[in-house]
Every structure is written in C-alpha cells, then in structure tokens.
C-alpha atoms as a PDB file:
ATOM      1  CA  MET A   1      -8.498  11.482   2.088  1.00  0.00           C
ATOM      2  CA  GLU A   2      -7.425  10.000   5.402  1.00  0.00           C
ATOM      3  CA  GLU A   3     -10.281   7.498   5.251  1.00  0.00           C
ATOM      4  CA  TYR A   4      -8.855   6.073   2.019  1.00  0.00           C
ATOM      5  CA  SER A   5      -5.386   5.367   3.388  1.00  0.00           C
ATOM      6  CA  ILE A   6      -4.030   1.958   2.431  1.00  0.00           C
ATOM      7  CA  VAL A   7      -1.077   2.202   4.816  1.00  0.00           C
ATOM      8  CA  PRO A   8      -1.465   0.472   8.202  1.00  0.00           C
ATOM      9  CA  PRO A   9      -1.819   3.131  10.882  1.00  0.00           C
ATOM     10  CA  GLN A  10       0.790   1.699  13.266  1.00  0.00           C
ATOM     11  CA  TYR A  11       3.218  -0.249  11.102  1.00  0.00           C
ATOM     12  CA  LYS A  12       6.164   1.709  12.550  1.00  0.00           C
ATOM     13  CA  LYS A  13       5.647   0.235  16.018  1.00  0.00           C
ATOM     14  CA  LYS A  14       7.018  -3.097  14.783  1.00  0.00           C
ATOM     15  CA  ASP A  15      10.194  -1.760  13.201  1.00  0.00           C
ATOM     16  CA  PRO A  16      12.390  -4.860  12.646  1.00  0.00           C
ATOM     17  CA  ARG A  17      15.658  -3.040  11.958  1.00  0.00           C
ATOM     18  CA  SER A  18      17.017  -3.468  15.489  1.00  0.00           C
ATOM     19  CA  LEU A  19      15.889  -7.082  15.931  1.00  0.00           C
ATOM     20  CA  LEU A  20      19.183  -8.645  14.846  1.00  0.00           C
ATOM     21  CA  TYR A  21      21.061  -6.596  17.400  1.00  0.00           C
ATOM     22  CA  HIS A  22      18.790  -7.732  20.237  1.00  0.00           C
ATOM     23  CA  PHE A  23      18.234 -11.286  18.956  1.00  0.00           C
ATOM     24  CA  PRO A  24      21.282 -12.435  16.980  1.00  0.00           C
ATOM     25  CA  SER A  25      19.930 -15.986  16.712  1.00  0.00           C
ATOM     26  CA  LEU A  26      16.784 -14.833  14.862  1.00  0.00           C
ATOM     27  CA  PRO A  27      16.338 -16.932  11.692  1.00  0.00           C
ATOM     28  CA  ILE A  28      17.444 -14.915   8.683  1.00  0.00           C
ATOM     29  CA  VAL A  29      14.407 -15.894   6.612  1.00  0.00           C
ATOM     30  CA  LYS A  30      12.023 -14.597   9.268  1.00  0.00           C
ATOM     31  CA  TYR A  31      14.015 -11.375   9.554  1.00  0.00           C
ATOM     32  CA  ALA A  32      14.017 -10.948   5.772  1.00  0.00           C
ATOM     33  CA  LYS A  33      10.223 -11.325   5.631  1.00  0.00           C
ATOM     34  CA  LEU A  34       9.745  -8.789   8.422  1.00  0.00           C
ATOM     35  CA  MET A  35      12.072  -6.336   6.687  1.00  0.00           C
ATOM     36  CA  GLN A  36      10.345  -6.860   3.347  1.00  0.00           C
ATOM     37  CA  GLN A  37       6.954  -6.082   4.849  1.00  0.00           C
ATOM     38  CA  PHE A  38       8.251  -3.037   6.744  1.00  0.00           C
ATOM     39  CA  SER A  39      10.051  -1.678   3.665  1.00  0.00           C
ATOM     40  CA  PHE A  40       6.934  -2.163   1.538  1.00  0.00           C
ATOM     41  CA  TYR A  41       4.762  -0.177   3.932  1.00  0.00           C
ATOM     42  CA  GLN A  42       7.434   2.490   4.314  1.00  0.00           C
ATOM     43  CA  ALA A  43       7.617   2.976   0.531  1.00  0.00           C
ATOM     44  CA  LEU A  44       3.821   2.861   0.298  1.00  0.00           C
ATOM     45  CA  GLU A  45       3.550   5.604   2.925  1.00  0.00           C
ATOM     46  CA  VAL A  46       5.956   7.830   0.973  1.00  0.00           C
ATOM     47  CA  ALA A  47       4.042   7.260  -2.256  1.00  0.00           C
ATOM     48  CA  GLU A  48       0.726   7.942  -0.547  1.00  0.00           C
ATOM     49  CA  ASN A  49       2.015  11.166   1.011  1.00  0.00           C
ATOM     50  CA  LEU A  50       3.256  12.388  -2.372  1.00  0.00           C
ATOM     51  CA  ALA A  51      -0.034  11.455  -4.025  1.00  0.00           C
ATOM     52  CA  ASN A  52      -2.031  13.230  -1.307  1.00  0.00           C
ATOM     53  CA  ARG A  53       0.040  16.394  -1.723  1.00  0.00           C
ATOM     54  CA  GLN A  54      -0.957  16.460  -5.385  1.00  0.00           C
ATOM     55  CA  GLY A  55      -4.628  15.844  -4.582  1.00  0.00           C
ATOM     56  CA  TYR A  56      -4.684  12.127  -5.417  1.00  0.00           C
ATOM     57  CA  ILE A  57      -5.267   8.902  -3.527  1.00  0.00           C
ATOM     58  CA  LEU A  58      -3.580   5.589  -4.266  1.00  0.00           C
ATOM     59  CA  LEU A  59      -5.861   3.010  -5.826  1.00  0.00           C
ATOM     60  CA  PRO A  60      -4.592  -0.602  -5.894  1.00  0.00           C
ATOM     61  CA  TRP A  61      -4.497  -2.399  -9.240  1.00  0.00           C
ATOM     62  CA  SER A  62      -7.097  -4.898  -7.994  1.00  0.00           C
ATOM     63  CA  CYS A  63      -9.669  -2.107  -7.594  1.00  0.00           C
ATOM     64  CA  ILE A  64      -9.545  -0.775 -11.160  1.00  0.00           C
ATOM     65  CA  HIS A  65     -10.700  -2.313 -14.440  1.00  0.00           C
ATOM     66  CA  TRP A  66      -7.801  -3.282 -16.705  1.00  0.00           C
ATOM     67  CA  GLN A  67      -9.009  -1.140 -19.640  1.00  0.00           C
ATOM     68  CA  ARG A  68      -9.351   1.902 -17.412  1.00  0.00           C
ATOM     69  CA  ALA A  69      -5.903   1.217 -15.950  1.00  0.00           C
ATOM     70  CA  LYS A  70      -4.504   1.036 -19.466  1.00  0.00           C
ATOM     71  CA  ASN A  71      -5.877   4.535 -20.182  1.00  0.00           C
ATOM     72  CA  PHE A  72      -4.044   6.027 -17.207  1.00  0.00           C
ATOM     73  CA  GLY A  73      -0.921   4.038 -18.064  1.00  0.00           C
ATOM     74  CA  ARG A  74       2.462   5.498 -17.242  1.00  0.00           C
ATOM     75  CA  ASP A  75       1.272   8.925 -16.155  1.00  0.00           C
ATOM     76  CA  ARG A  76      -0.243   7.873 -12.844  1.00  0.00           C
ATOM     77  CA  LYS A  77       1.078   4.393 -12.219  1.00  0.00           C
ATOM     78  CA  VAL A  78       3.150   3.809  -9.087  1.00  0.00           C
ATOM     79  CA  LYS A  79       4.884   0.483  -8.663  1.00  0.00           C
ATOM     80  CA  ILE A  80       6.072  -0.594  -5.224  1.00  0.00           C
ATOM     81  CA  GLY A  81       7.703  -3.990  -5.151  1.00  0.00           C
ATOM     82  CA  ARG A  82       5.492  -6.213  -7.255  1.00  0.00           C
ATOM     83  CA  LYS A  83       2.304  -4.280  -6.602  1.00  0.00           C
ATOM     84  CA  SER A  84       0.925  -1.498  -8.772  1.00  0.00           C
ATOM     85  CA  PHE A  85      -1.134   1.470  -7.657  1.00  0.00           C
ATOM     86  CA  PHE A  86      -2.756   4.320  -9.551  1.00  0.00           C
ATOM     87  CA  MET A  87      -2.945   7.936  -8.458  1.00  0.00           C
ATOM     88  CA  MET A  88      -6.595   8.915  -8.824  1.00  0.00           C
ATOM     89  CA  ARG A  89      -8.701  11.861  -7.734  1.00  0.00           C
ATOM     90  CA  LEU A  90     -11.750  11.075  -5.623  1.00  0.00           C
ATOM     91  CA  ASP A  91     -14.094  12.578  -8.217  1.00  0.00           C
ATOM     92  CA  GLU A  92     -12.546  10.377 -10.950  1.00  0.00           C
ATOM     93  CA  LEU A  93     -13.395   7.142  -9.159  1.00  0.00           C
ATOM     94  CA  THR A  94     -16.384   5.219 -10.386  1.00  0.00           C
ATOM     95  CA  LYS A  95     -18.946   3.855  -7.960  1.00  0.00           C
ATOM     96  CA  SER A  96     -17.566   0.316  -8.262  1.00  0.00           C
ATOM     97  CA  GLU A  97     -13.984   1.518  -7.732  1.00  0.00           C
ATOM     98  CA  LYS A  98     -14.984   3.255  -4.495  1.00  0.00           C
ATOM     99  CA  GLU A  99     -16.755   0.113  -3.323  1.00  0.00           C
ATOM    100  CA  LYS A 100     -13.768  -2.078  -4.234  1.00  0.00           C
ATOM    101  CA  LEU A 101     -11.388   0.291  -2.456  1.00  0.00           C
ATOM    102  CA  GLU A 102     -13.478   0.248   0.712  1.00  0.00           C
ATOM    103  CA  ILE A 103     -13.671  -3.562   0.563  1.00  0.00           C
ATOM    104  CA  TYR A 104      -9.891  -3.706  -0.008  1.00  0.00           C
ATOM    105  CA  ILE A 105      -9.234  -1.542   3.062  1.00  0.00           C
ATOM    106  CA  GLU A 106     -11.610  -3.592   5.212  1.00  0.00           C
ATOM    107  CA  GLU A 107      -9.994  -6.856   4.063  1.00  0.00           C
ATOM    108  CA  MET A 108      -6.539  -5.499   4.848  1.00  0.00           C
ATOM    109  CA  LYS A 109      -7.707  -4.499   8.336  1.00  0.00           C
ATOM    110  CA  ALA A 110      -9.191  -7.965   8.858  1.00  0.00           C
ATOM    111  CA  LYS A 111      -5.908  -9.589   7.761  1.00  0.00           C
ATOM    112  CA  LYS A 112      -4.048  -7.174  10.040  1.00  0.00           C
ATOM    113  CA  TRP A 113      -2.374  -5.518   7.056  1.00  0.00           C
ATOM    114  CA  LYS A 114      -0.363  -8.483   5.764  1.00  0.00           C
ATOM    115  CA  ILE A 115       1.206  -8.403   2.310  1.00  0.00           C
ATOM    116  CA  SER A 116      -0.507 -10.848  -0.026  1.00  0.00           C
END
C-alpha cells in the first residue's frame, strides 16, 4: 500500500508555521498559500493513515468513473478541502482505475506535489 501513497514523502520538511516568527515581513498571501498547502497534506496524511488501517487506499475523484463513485457515495467518500477521495480496497480497483492512480501519482511527483 505504500506504493499507492498520494501524500508527498517529505512535505513536513517545509513546515511554514514558524516562518512568520523568523520573517515577519513575509507577504501574508504567500504565507496563507504555504499554510493551505501544508494543512491539506497534513489532513491527507491523516486520512490516508486511517484508510490504510482499515485496509483501504485513497483514490482521488479524478481516477474513478462518476457512476462508480455514485455507488460508493457517502460510505467511503472522504472530502479534504475541495478535493474528494474514495476509500477503496486494492482488489476492488478496476484496471483503468489502477492505471489512472499510477498516472496521478507520477504527475504529482513531476509537479513536485503542488495542489491543483
């Protein structure tokens, strides 16, 4: 399940919480964006850990067909910020969902894990 992690491996190294103390003249908009990204990944890591403990992985909304997502509905849907994820077992994933998930992870690595 580690190979299907959608959380950046080292997002904690750039923790922005102490930036305002060290750089009080930092523009507030830039700080807000850094905090938003850090908070998103922190919440995503918690959700992924909980899903993994139950035997699931998190599948982004963009990797699942809308009719299939509708079937899973409220039971397995996890919403973090404006993004939705579904808790799915590896054996429940279709071939195209696995391919889309692997492409999603590779694209996120190429973008250096930025929020879209």
